[in-house]
Protein backbone atom coordinates (compact mmCIF):
# COMPACT_ATOMS: atom_id res chain seq x y z
CA MET A 1 130.67 84.34 -79.25
CA LEU A 2 133.28 85.62 -81.68
CA ASN A 3 136.80 86.22 -80.45
CA ARG A 4 137.26 89.79 -81.68
CA LYS A 5 140.51 91.71 -81.48
CA ILE A 6 140.27 95.46 -81.87
CA VAL A 7 143.14 97.91 -82.34
CA LEU A 8 142.52 101.53 -81.38
CA LEU A 9 144.86 104.16 -82.80
CA ASP A 10 144.74 106.93 -80.21
CA GLY A 11 145.32 110.21 -82.02
CA ARG A 12 144.84 112.46 -79.01
CA GLY A 13 147.48 115.12 -78.67
CA ALA A 14 148.84 117.07 -75.75
CA GLY A 15 146.01 119.08 -74.23
CA ASP A 16 143.28 116.64 -75.28
CA GLU A 17 142.70 115.35 -71.74
CA ASP A 18 139.01 116.23 -72.07
CA LEU A 19 138.72 113.25 -74.46
CA ASN A 20 139.92 110.72 -71.85
CA PRO A 21 136.36 109.89 -70.69
CA VAL A 22 135.32 109.23 -74.29
CA LEU A 23 138.19 106.81 -74.88
CA ASP A 24 137.56 105.10 -71.54
CA MET A 25 133.87 104.70 -72.36
CA LEU A 26 134.67 103.25 -75.80
CA ILE A 27 137.16 100.75 -74.37
CA ASN A 28 134.72 99.70 -71.63
CA GLU A 29 131.89 99.18 -74.14
CA LEU A 30 134.15 97.08 -76.35
CA HIS A 31 135.30 94.99 -73.38
CA GLU A 32 131.67 94.38 -72.40
CA THR A 33 131.07 92.79 -75.82
CA GLY A 34 133.95 90.39 -75.13
CA ALA A 35 136.43 92.06 -77.47
CA ALA A 36 140.14 92.21 -76.76
CA VAL A 37 141.24 95.83 -77.17
CA GLN A 38 144.77 97.07 -77.77
CA THR A 39 145.41 100.83 -77.83
CA PHE A 40 148.37 102.54 -79.47
CA PRO A 41 148.91 106.21 -78.54
CA LEU A 42 150.20 107.64 -81.81
CA ARG A 43 152.02 110.52 -80.09
CA GLU A 44 154.33 107.94 -78.46
CA ILE A 45 155.14 106.02 -81.65
CA LYS A 46 158.25 107.15 -83.49
CA MET A 47 157.73 107.13 -87.26
CA GLY A 48 159.93 108.37 -90.03
CA SER A 49 159.15 109.27 -93.59
CA CYS A 50 158.95 106.84 -96.44
CA ILE A 51 161.99 107.03 -98.73
CA GLY A 52 160.19 105.36 -101.64
CA CYS A 53 162.43 102.29 -101.93
CA PHE A 54 159.41 99.95 -102.49
CA GLY A 55 161.08 97.30 -100.29
CA CYS A 56 157.81 97.03 -98.37
CA TRP A 57 156.06 96.04 -101.58
CA LEU A 58 158.66 93.87 -103.24
CA LYS A 59 160.97 92.31 -100.63
CA THR A 60 158.99 92.14 -97.38
CA PRO A 61 155.30 92.84 -98.11
CA GLY A 62 153.90 95.26 -95.54
CA ILE A 63 157.10 95.63 -93.51
CA CYS A 64 159.34 98.66 -93.93
CA LEU A 65 163.02 97.89 -94.43
CA GLY A 66 164.18 101.43 -93.94
CA VAL A 67 163.25 104.48 -91.97
CA ILE A 68 159.70 103.87 -90.78
CA LYS A 69 160.05 102.79 -87.16
CA SER A 70 157.18 102.10 -84.82
CA ASP A 71 157.46 101.22 -81.15
CA GLY A 72 154.99 98.54 -80.16
CA LEU A 73 153.87 97.62 -83.65
CA GLY A 74 156.81 95.44 -84.61
CA LYS A 75 159.47 96.19 -87.19
CA GLY A 76 157.41 98.92 -88.78
CA ARG A 77 154.28 98.61 -90.80
CA SER A 78 154.19 100.25 -94.16
CA PRO A 79 151.30 102.62 -94.86
CA LYS A 80 150.85 100.58 -98.04
CA SER A 81 150.53 97.26 -96.20
CA SER A 82 146.79 97.08 -96.78
CA ARG A 83 147.26 97.01 -100.55
CA PRO A 84 147.87 93.76 -102.39
CA VAL A 85 151.41 93.23 -103.61
């Protein structure tokens, strides 16, 4: 069986508690297939705005050098990190 790793970006906001059963069901189904699931609640991740320095493209591909901060995801992933440099 494949060793799958799945990242869930949880975009639920305050007052979206009615969606908890849906997320729980999704995570349980993924676990049953043998996947490792990691969930990141976006409301808890501090992110700043891009200042357009292009450091994430030129100096450290995919990693923001400046203001984009993200707790739990490392130094800060650039929104452009999926594009080739």
